[in-house]
Amino acid sequence: MADLITLDVFSGPLADGSADDKGGQPRLPGTASQRRLAVLYNQQGLRPDEIASKLGLSRYDVTQIILALPRRGRA
């Protein structure tokens, strides 16, 4: 019998809006809900370590989420 070969060619966005590991944008840490809350808490003035402790993420992960935000007010 011949061996079957399968190819994984999907490289689009996943259901949660992040990209898979084959191409596109790098995947952000945390779930979509955690990312939304991290942004909200950041807008309220909480520091990354405070946000991380609330969401169960590392300070590094929260910082990456915040840095991935589109910049506002750029000329």
C-alpha atoms as a PDB file:
ATOM      1  CA  MET A   1       0.000   0.000   0.000  1.00  0.00           C
ATOM      2  CA  ALA A   2       1.110   3.526  -0.691  1.00  0.00           C
ATOM      3  CA  ASP A   3       1.788   5.852   2.211  1.00  0.00           C
ATOM      4  CA  LEU A   4      -0.557   8.806   2.447  1.00  0.00           C
ATOM      5  CA  ILE A   5       1.017  12.233   2.650  1.00  0.00           C
ATOM      6  CA  THR A   6      -0.918  15.100   4.126  1.00  0.00           C
ATOM      7  CA  LEU A   7       0.081  18.717   3.948  1.00  0.00           C
ATOM      8  CA  ASP A   8      -0.973  21.410   6.335  1.00  0.00           C
ATOM      9  CA  VAL A   9      -1.201  24.517   4.181  1.00  0.00           C
ATOM     10  CA  PHE A  10      -3.424  26.700   6.352  1.00  0.00           C
ATOM     11  CA  SER A  11      -1.768  29.968   7.247  1.00  0.00           C
ATOM     12  CA  GLY A  12      -4.701  32.274   7.958  1.00  0.00           C
ATOM     13  CA  PRO A  13      -6.006  33.678  11.226  1.00  0.00           C
ATOM     14  CA  LEU A  14      -7.337  31.328  13.884  1.00  0.00           C
ATOM     15  CA  ALA A  15     -10.792  31.599  15.435  1.00  0.00           C
ATOM     16  CA  ASP A  16      -9.467  33.784  18.279  1.00  0.00           C
ATOM     17  CA  GLY A  17      -7.991  36.274  15.816  1.00  0.00           C
ATOM     18  CA  SER A  18      -4.387  35.174  16.249  1.00  0.00           C
ATOM     19  CA  ALA A  19      -2.269  33.701  13.482  1.00  0.00           C
ATOM     20  CA  ASP A  20      -1.107  30.111  13.395  1.00  0.00           C
ATOM     21  CA  ASP A  21       2.588  29.223  13.647  1.00  0.00           C
ATOM     22  CA  LYS A  22       3.035  28.814   9.884  1.00  0.00           C
ATOM     23  CA  GLY A  23       2.934  32.499   8.922  1.00  0.00           C
ATOM     24  CA  GLY A  24       1.287  35.834   9.424  1.00  0.00           C
ATOM     25  CA  GLN A  25       1.501  37.819  12.624  1.00  0.00           C
ATOM     26  CA  PRO A  26       3.091  36.299  15.728  1.00  0.00           C
ATOM     27  CA  ARG A  27       0.604  34.912  18.197  1.00  0.00           C
ATOM     28  CA  LEU A  28      -0.011  37.061  21.253  1.00  0.00           C
ATOM     29  CA  PRO A  29      -0.026  35.469  24.695  1.00  0.00           C
ATOM     30  CA  GLY A  30      -3.206  34.813  26.641  1.00  0.00           C
ATOM     31  CA  THR A  31      -6.748  34.330  25.484  1.00  0.00           C
ATOM     32  CA  ALA A  32      -8.690  36.955  23.583  1.00  0.00           C
ATOM     33  CA  SER A  33     -10.537  37.845  26.804  1.00  0.00           C
ATOM     34  CA  GLN A  34      -7.279  38.246  28.734  1.00  0.00           C
ATOM     35  CA  ARG A  35      -5.894  40.463  25.985  1.00  0.00           C
ATOM     36  CA  ARG A  36      -8.998  42.676  26.023  1.00  0.00           C
ATOM     37  CA  LEU A  37      -8.825  42.993  29.807  1.00  0.00           C
ATOM     38  CA  ALA A  38      -5.099  43.739  29.697  1.00  0.00           C
ATOM     39  CA  VAL A  39      -5.778  46.607  27.289  1.00  0.00           C
ATOM     40  CA  LEU A  40      -8.639  47.904  29.435  1.00  0.00           C
ATOM     41  CA  TYR A  41      -6.555  47.758  32.631  1.00  0.00           C
ATOM     42  CA  ASN A  42      -3.675  49.482  30.821  1.00  0.00           C
ATOM     43  CA  GLN A  43      -5.998  52.288  29.718  1.00  0.00           C
ATOM     44  CA  GLN A  44      -7.085  52.642  33.350  1.00  0.00           C
ATOM     45  CA  GLY A  45      -3.453  53.197  34.346  1.00  0.00           C
ATOM     46  CA  LEU A  46      -2.554  49.871  35.960  1.00  0.00           C
ATOM     47  CA  ARG A  47       1.083  48.786  35.676  1.00  0.00           C
ATOM     48  CA  PRO A  48       1.961  45.585  33.767  1.00  0.00           C
ATOM     49  CA  ASP A  49       2.813  43.690  36.977  1.00  0.00           C
ATOM     50  CA  GLU A  50      -0.579  44.612  38.466  1.00  0.00           C
ATOM     51  CA  ILE A  51      -2.352  43.533  35.284  1.00  0.00           C
ATOM     52  CA  ALA A  52      -0.383  40.282  35.200  1.00  0.00           C
ATOM     53  CA  SER A  53      -1.369  39.351  38.740  1.00  0.00           C
ATOM     54  CA  LYS A  54      -5.061  40.033  37.996  1.00  0.00           C
ATOM     55  CA  LEU A  55      -5.068  37.974  34.782  1.00  0.00           C
ATOM     56  CA  GLY A  56      -2.715  35.140  35.704  1.00  0.00           C
ATOM     57  CA  LEU A  57      -0.188  36.093  33.030  1.00  0.00           C
ATOM     58  CA  SER A  58       3.479  36.992  33.284  1.00  0.00           C
ATOM     59  CA  ARG A  59       4.553  40.630  33.290  1.00  0.00           C
ATOM     60  CA  TYR A  60       6.400  39.914  30.032  1.00  0.00           C
ATOM     61  CA  ASP A  61       3.216  38.588  28.379  1.00  0.00           C
ATOM     62  CA  VAL A  62       1.222  41.643  29.462  1.00  0.00           C
ATOM     63  CA  THR A  63       3.951  43.934  28.152  1.00  0.00           C
ATOM     64  CA  GLN A  64       3.878  42.152  24.783  1.00  0.00           C
ATOM     65  CA  ILE A  65       0.089  42.572  24.592  1.00  0.00           C
ATOM     66  CA  ILE A  66       0.374  46.291  25.368  1.00  0.00           C
ATOM     67  CA  LEU A  67       3.209  46.841  22.888  1.00  0.00           C
ATOM     68  CA  ALA A  68       1.194  45.124  20.138  1.00  0.00           C
ATOM     69  CA  LEU A  69      -1.502  47.806  20.373  1.00  0.00           C
ATOM     70  CA  PRO A  70      -1.717  50.241  17.493  1.00  0.00           C
ATOM     71  CA  ARG A  71      -0.063  53.512  18.409  1.00  0.00           C
ATOM     72  CA  ARG A  72      -2.380  56.499  18.739  1.00  0.00           C
ATOM     73  CA  GLY A  73      -1.662  60.095  17.898  1.00  0.00           C
ATOM     74  CA  ARG A  74       1.300  59.453  15.631  1.00  0.00           C
ATOM     75  CA  ALA A  75       1.950  62.071  12.983  1.00  0.00           C
END
